[in-house]
N, C-alpha and C. Protein backbone atom coordinates (compact mmCIF):
# COMPACT_ATOMS: atom_id res chain seq x y z
N UNK A 1 -7.27 -9.61 18.89
CA UNK A 1 -6.46 -8.30 18.93
C UNK A 1 -6.41 -7.79 17.49
N UNK A 2 -6.27 -8.60 16.46
CA UNK A 2 -6.15 -8.12 15.09
C UNK A 2 -7.38 -7.34 14.69
N UNK A 3 -8.56 -7.79 15.20
CA UNK A 3 -9.75 -7.05 14.94
C UNK A 3 -9.71 -5.63 15.53
N UNK A 4 -9.25 -5.54 16.73
CA UNK A 4 -9.17 -4.28 17.41
C UNK A 4 -8.10 -3.30 16.76
N UNK A 5 -7.03 -3.88 16.36
CA UNK A 5 -5.99 -3.15 15.67
C UNK A 5 -6.52 -2.61 14.38
N UNK A 6 -7.13 -3.47 13.57
CA UNK A 6 -7.75 -2.98 12.28
C UNK A 6 -8.83 -1.98 12.52
N UNK A 7 -9.68 -2.13 13.47
CA UNK A 7 -10.74 -1.17 13.84
C UNK A 7 -10.05 0.15 14.18
N UNK A 8 -9.03 0.15 14.92
CA UNK A 8 -8.32 1.38 15.35
C UNK A 8 -7.72 2.07 14.18
N UNK A 9 -7.13 1.30 13.26
CA UNK A 9 -6.43 1.86 12.04
C UNK A 9 -7.50 2.61 11.13
N UNK A 10 -8.69 1.95 11.00
CA UNK A 10 -9.73 2.53 10.23
C UNK A 10 -10.20 3.78 10.88
N UNK A 11 -10.33 3.78 12.24
CA UNK A 11 -10.88 5.00 12.87
C UNK A 11 -9.84 6.13 12.77
N UNK A 12 -8.53 5.77 12.89
CA UNK A 12 -7.48 6.73 12.75
C UNK A 12 -7.45 7.35 11.28
N UNK A 13 -7.57 6.49 10.32
CA UNK A 13 -7.61 6.94 8.95
C UNK A 13 -8.77 7.89 8.73
N UNK A 14 -9.88 7.57 9.29
CA UNK A 14 -11.09 8.41 9.10
C UNK A 14 -10.94 9.75 9.86
N UNK A 15 -10.29 9.74 11.05
CA UNK A 15 -10.02 10.97 11.75
C UNK A 15 -9.05 11.86 11.01
N UNK A 16 -8.00 11.27 10.46
CA UNK A 16 -7.00 12.05 9.68
C UNK A 16 -7.62 12.66 8.40
N UNK A 17 -8.48 11.90 7.78
CA UNK A 17 -9.24 12.46 6.55
C UNK A 17 -10.11 13.55 7.01
N UNK A 18 -10.73 13.46 8.18
CA UNK A 18 -11.59 14.55 8.67
C UNK A 18 -10.81 15.84 8.99
N UNK A 19 -9.62 15.72 9.38
CA UNK A 19 -8.74 16.88 9.72
C UNK A 19 -8.41 17.61 8.45
N UNK A 20 -8.31 16.94 7.32
CA UNK A 20 -7.88 17.62 6.00
C UNK A 20 -8.86 18.52 5.46
N UNK A 21 -10.19 18.29 5.79
CA UNK A 21 -11.26 19.08 5.25
C UNK A 21 -12.19 19.44 6.33
N UNK A 22 -11.97 20.46 7.18
CA UNK A 22 -12.80 20.71 8.29
C UNK A 22 -14.12 21.53 7.88
N UNK A 23 -14.20 21.89 6.60
CA UNK A 23 -15.35 22.61 6.17
C UNK A 23 -16.59 21.71 6.05
N UNK A 24 -16.40 20.42 5.83
CA UNK A 24 -17.50 19.47 5.70
C UNK A 24 -17.99 18.99 7.02
N UNK A 25 -19.25 18.75 7.22
CA UNK A 25 -19.79 18.12 8.43
C UNK A 25 -19.67 16.61 8.21
N UNK A 26 -18.72 16.02 8.90
CA UNK A 26 -18.52 14.58 8.76
C UNK A 26 -19.07 13.89 10.02
N UNK A 27 -19.69 12.72 9.86
CA UNK A 27 -20.11 11.92 10.95
C UNK A 27 -18.85 11.35 11.63
N UNK A 28 -18.85 11.47 12.97
CA UNK A 28 -17.66 11.00 13.69
C UNK A 28 -18.19 10.54 15.04
N UNK A 29 -17.88 9.32 15.43
CA UNK A 29 -18.39 8.74 16.65
C UNK A 29 -17.25 7.97 17.26
N UNK A 30 -17.00 8.22 18.53
CA UNK A 30 -15.82 7.50 19.20
C UNK A 30 -16.37 6.61 20.40
N UNK A 31 -15.83 5.41 20.53
CA UNK A 31 -16.22 4.51 21.62
C UNK A 31 -14.94 4.00 22.21
N UNK A 32 -14.85 3.99 23.54
CA UNK A 32 -13.70 3.40 24.19
C UNK A 32 -14.20 2.25 25.06
N UNK A 33 -13.62 1.15 24.82
CA UNK A 33 -14.00 -0.16 25.48
C UNK A 33 -12.97 -0.42 26.59
N UNK A 34 -13.33 -0.40 27.74
CA UNK A 34 -12.41 -0.64 28.91
C UNK A 34 -12.54 -2.13 29.24
N UNK A 35 -11.36 -2.71 29.48
CA UNK A 35 -11.24 -4.09 29.99
C UNK A 35 -11.93 -5.14 29.06
N UNK A 36 -11.88 -4.98 27.80
CA UNK A 36 -12.47 -5.92 26.85
C UNK A 36 -11.50 -7.07 26.67
N UNK A 37 -12.06 -8.31 26.77
CA UNK A 37 -11.32 -9.51 26.53
C UNK A 37 -11.93 -10.16 25.29
N UNK A 38 -11.02 -10.72 24.42
CA UNK A 38 -11.51 -11.43 23.22
C UNK A 38 -10.87 -12.86 23.36
N UNK A 39 -11.72 -13.88 23.34
CA UNK A 39 -11.32 -15.31 23.44
C UNK A 39 -11.63 -15.91 22.16
N UNK A 40 -10.62 -16.51 21.41
CA UNK A 40 -10.76 -17.16 20.13
C UNK A 40 -10.77 -18.70 20.51
N UNK A 41 -11.78 -19.33 19.95
CA UNK A 41 -12.01 -20.75 20.20
C UNK A 41 -12.36 -21.47 18.90
N UNK A 42 -12.15 -22.88 18.89
CA UNK A 42 -12.67 -23.59 17.81
C UNK A 42 -14.20 -23.78 18.05
N UNK A 43 -14.96 -24.24 17.01
CA UNK A 43 -16.36 -24.26 17.06
C UNK A 43 -16.94 -25.14 18.29
N UNK A 44 -16.42 -26.26 18.53
CA UNK A 44 -16.84 -27.18 19.58
C UNK A 44 -16.58 -26.46 20.99
N UNK A 45 -15.46 -25.91 21.19
CA UNK A 45 -15.18 -25.15 22.41
C UNK A 45 -16.00 -24.00 22.63
N UNK A 46 -16.29 -23.22 21.47
CA UNK A 46 -17.19 -22.12 21.60
C UNK A 46 -18.58 -22.53 21.95
N UNK A 47 -19.14 -23.60 21.42
CA UNK A 47 -20.42 -24.04 21.74
C UNK A 47 -20.54 -24.49 23.23
N UNK A 48 -19.47 -25.17 23.67
CA UNK A 48 -19.43 -25.58 25.10
C UNK A 48 -19.46 -24.42 26.04
N UNK A 49 -18.68 -23.36 25.63
CA UNK A 49 -18.58 -22.20 26.38
C UNK A 49 -19.93 -21.43 26.46
N UNK A 50 -20.65 -21.33 25.27
CA UNK A 50 -21.96 -20.77 25.17
C UNK A 50 -22.90 -21.46 26.24
N UNK A 51 -22.89 -22.81 26.22
CA UNK A 51 -23.77 -23.57 27.07
C UNK A 51 -23.42 -23.27 28.51
N UNK A 52 -22.22 -23.14 28.85
CA UNK A 52 -21.74 -22.88 30.24
C UNK A 52 -22.24 -21.46 30.66
N UNK A 53 -21.92 -20.51 29.87
CA UNK A 53 -22.23 -19.12 30.17
C UNK A 53 -23.76 -18.81 30.19
N UNK A 54 -24.47 -19.33 29.18
CA UNK A 54 -25.84 -18.94 28.97
C UNK A 54 -26.87 -19.98 29.67
N UNK A 55 -26.34 -21.18 29.72
CA UNK A 55 -27.31 -22.22 30.22
C UNK A 55 -28.26 -22.68 29.24
N UNK A 56 -27.99 -22.37 27.98
CA UNK A 56 -28.84 -22.72 26.83
C UNK A 56 -28.12 -23.58 25.80
N UNK A 57 -28.87 -24.36 25.10
CA UNK A 57 -28.17 -25.24 24.05
C UNK A 57 -27.45 -24.37 23.00
N UNK A 58 -26.39 -24.85 22.43
CA UNK A 58 -25.64 -24.11 21.44
C UNK A 58 -26.31 -24.13 20.05
N UNK A 59 -27.28 -25.10 19.89
CA UNK A 59 -27.90 -25.23 18.56
C UNK A 59 -29.37 -25.45 18.76
N UNK A 60 -30.05 -25.03 17.77
CA UNK A 60 -31.55 -25.21 17.81
C UNK A 60 -32.04 -25.33 16.34
N UNK A 61 -33.25 -25.85 16.16
CA UNK A 61 -33.80 -25.92 14.88
C UNK A 61 -34.82 -24.84 14.67
N UNK A 62 -34.64 -24.13 13.60
CA UNK A 62 -35.61 -23.02 13.17
C UNK A 62 -36.50 -23.52 12.13
N UNK A 63 -37.80 -23.33 12.25
CA UNK A 63 -38.71 -23.69 11.27
C UNK A 63 -39.40 -22.41 10.71
N UNK A 64 -39.44 -22.40 9.39
CA UNK A 64 -40.07 -21.23 8.68
C UNK A 64 -40.76 -21.77 7.41
N UNK A 65 -41.68 -20.96 6.91
CA UNK A 65 -42.38 -21.42 5.77
C UNK A 65 -42.03 -20.42 4.52
N UNK A 66 -41.69 -21.13 3.41
CA UNK A 66 -41.41 -20.47 2.19
C UNK A 66 -42.28 -21.02 1.12
N UNK A 67 -42.95 -20.17 0.39
CA UNK A 67 -43.89 -20.56 -0.67
C UNK A 67 -44.80 -21.74 -0.25
N UNK A 68 -45.29 -21.68 0.89
CA UNK A 68 -46.26 -22.69 1.35
C UNK A 68 -45.67 -24.02 1.91
N UNK A 69 -44.31 -24.09 1.81
CA UNK A 69 -43.59 -25.30 2.27
C UNK A 69 -42.88 -24.96 3.59
N UNK A 70 -42.98 -25.83 4.58
CA UNK A 70 -42.22 -25.56 5.77
C UNK A 70 -40.81 -26.14 5.64
N UNK A 71 -39.86 -25.33 6.05
CA UNK A 71 -38.48 -25.72 5.98
C UNK A 71 -37.82 -25.61 7.36
N UNK A 72 -37.02 -26.57 7.67
CA UNK A 72 -36.29 -26.66 9.01
C UNK A 72 -34.80 -26.32 8.66
N UNK A 73 -34.26 -25.62 9.59
CA UNK A 73 -32.87 -25.24 9.41
C UNK A 73 -32.12 -25.20 10.77
N UNK A 74 -30.94 -25.75 10.80
CA UNK A 74 -30.19 -25.82 12.09
C UNK A 74 -29.51 -24.49 12.23
N UNK A 75 -29.56 -23.91 13.45
CA UNK A 75 -28.88 -22.61 13.76
C UNK A 75 -28.00 -22.92 14.88
N UNK A 76 -26.72 -22.65 14.76
CA UNK A 76 -25.73 -22.88 15.83
C UNK A 76 -25.00 -21.65 16.16
N UNK A 77 -24.68 -21.50 17.46
CA UNK A 77 -23.94 -20.28 17.90
C UNK A 77 -22.61 -20.20 17.30
N UNK A 78 -22.32 -19.08 16.72
CA UNK A 78 -21.00 -18.82 16.04
C UNK A 78 -20.13 -17.86 16.72
N UNK A 79 -20.70 -17.21 17.77
CA UNK A 79 -19.96 -16.28 18.60
C UNK A 79 -20.87 -15.61 19.49
N UNK A 80 -20.37 -15.01 20.54
CA UNK A 80 -21.24 -14.22 21.45
C UNK A 80 -20.44 -13.24 22.34
N UNK A 81 -21.14 -12.26 22.86
CA UNK A 81 -20.53 -11.34 23.75
C UNK A 81 -21.11 -11.51 25.13
N UNK A 82 -20.25 -11.78 26.10
CA UNK A 82 -20.72 -11.95 27.46
C UNK A 82 -20.70 -10.60 28.22
N UNK A 83 -21.94 -10.06 28.45
CA UNK A 83 -22.00 -8.72 28.94
C UNK A 83 -21.43 -8.63 30.38
N UNK A 84 -21.63 -9.70 31.13
CA UNK A 84 -21.25 -9.82 32.51
C UNK A 84 -19.73 -9.64 32.69
N UNK A 85 -18.95 -10.24 31.81
CA UNK A 85 -17.49 -10.27 31.88
C UNK A 85 -16.88 -9.41 30.82
N UNK A 86 -17.61 -8.73 29.98
CA UNK A 86 -17.09 -7.85 28.90
C UNK A 86 -16.13 -8.70 28.05
N UNK A 87 -16.56 -9.91 27.59
CA UNK A 87 -15.79 -10.76 26.82
C UNK A 87 -16.43 -11.23 25.60
N UNK A 88 -15.69 -11.13 24.39
CA UNK A 88 -16.16 -11.69 23.12
C UNK A 88 -15.56 -13.05 22.94
N UNK A 89 -16.49 -13.94 22.60
CA UNK A 89 -16.11 -15.33 22.26
C UNK A 89 -16.42 -15.56 20.74
N UNK A 90 -15.44 -15.89 20.00
CA UNK A 90 -15.71 -16.20 18.59
C UNK A 90 -14.51 -17.10 18.01
N UNK A 91 -14.78 -17.55 16.87
CA UNK A 91 -13.68 -18.35 16.20
C UNK A 91 -12.79 -17.42 15.44
N UNK A 92 -11.54 -17.84 15.37
CA UNK A 92 -10.38 -17.07 14.82
C UNK A 92 -10.71 -16.60 13.34
N UNK A 93 -11.32 -17.44 12.59
CA UNK A 93 -11.45 -17.23 11.21
C UNK A 93 -12.80 -16.56 10.75
N UNK A 94 -13.60 -16.15 11.67
CA UNK A 94 -14.92 -15.65 11.34
C UNK A 94 -15.00 -14.19 11.70
N UNK A 95 -14.47 -13.30 10.78
CA UNK A 95 -14.32 -11.94 11.01
C UNK A 95 -15.73 -11.22 11.12
N UNK A 96 -16.71 -11.80 10.39
CA UNK A 96 -17.96 -11.17 10.43
C UNK A 96 -18.63 -11.30 11.81
N UNK A 97 -18.57 -12.47 12.37
CA UNK A 97 -19.10 -12.75 13.66
C UNK A 97 -18.39 -12.01 14.75
N UNK A 98 -17.07 -12.03 14.68
CA UNK A 98 -16.22 -11.29 15.73
C UNK A 98 -16.50 -9.79 15.66
N UNK A 99 -16.62 -9.28 14.47
CA UNK A 99 -16.98 -7.82 14.20
C UNK A 99 -18.36 -7.56 14.81
N UNK A 100 -19.35 -8.41 14.65
CA UNK A 100 -20.62 -8.29 15.12
C UNK A 100 -20.66 -8.20 16.66
N UNK A 101 -19.94 -9.07 17.21
CA UNK A 101 -19.81 -9.16 18.69
C UNK A 101 -19.07 -7.94 19.24
N UNK A 102 -18.11 -7.37 18.48
CA UNK A 102 -17.44 -6.18 18.85
C UNK A 102 -18.50 -5.07 18.95
N UNK A 103 -19.45 -5.03 17.96
CA UNK A 103 -20.47 -3.96 18.03
C UNK A 103 -21.35 -4.14 19.28
N UNK A 104 -21.61 -5.35 19.69
CA UNK A 104 -22.28 -5.52 20.98
C UNK A 104 -21.55 -4.99 22.14
N UNK A 105 -20.23 -5.10 22.11
CA UNK A 105 -19.33 -4.57 23.18
C UNK A 105 -19.46 -3.00 23.19
N UNK A 106 -19.54 -2.44 21.99
CA UNK A 106 -19.60 -0.96 21.76
C UNK A 106 -21.04 -0.48 22.09
N UNK A 107 -22.05 -1.09 21.54
CA UNK A 107 -23.42 -0.50 21.56
C UNK A 107 -24.38 -1.27 22.39
N UNK A 108 -23.98 -2.43 22.99
CA UNK A 108 -24.97 -3.15 23.76
C UNK A 108 -25.90 -4.01 23.08
N UNK A 109 -27.00 -4.35 23.62
CA UNK A 109 -27.95 -5.23 22.99
C UNK A 109 -28.71 -4.50 21.96
N UNK A 110 -28.74 -4.94 20.71
CA UNK A 110 -29.45 -4.34 19.68
C UNK A 110 -30.30 -5.18 18.88
N UNK A 111 -30.44 -6.53 19.31
CA UNK A 111 -31.45 -7.43 18.73
C UNK A 111 -31.84 -8.41 19.86
N UNK A 112 -32.90 -9.16 19.57
CA UNK A 112 -33.43 -10.08 20.56
C UNK A 112 -32.37 -11.15 20.88
N UNK A 113 -32.24 -11.48 22.10
CA UNK A 113 -31.38 -12.59 22.48
C UNK A 113 -32.08 -13.83 22.27
N UNK A 114 -31.39 -14.93 22.21
CA UNK A 114 -31.91 -16.30 21.93
C UNK A 114 -32.80 -16.64 23.06
């Protein structure tokens, strides 16, 4: 809820600033999210929920090559948006991930899914 309140305050401040100077062409975009649910979980509960919702493992190993050497790195789900239920799942202390998932709620799928 804090994320949505902060986002609303930023949008309101931007709207008020836009009213002060109507001569400029300002970018202004509004999105209304109906029936959005945000569930905050700890990491383990989040990973269990991902596995339940997606049917996929919550972590995977990514391999990539840097300067001729192959490097392996663990990638773990840190949050996700469930399009079917209009629900954001994330940890309480990870504002970047929660905000990213909020943009999925607003704009839909904008990158490849796992």
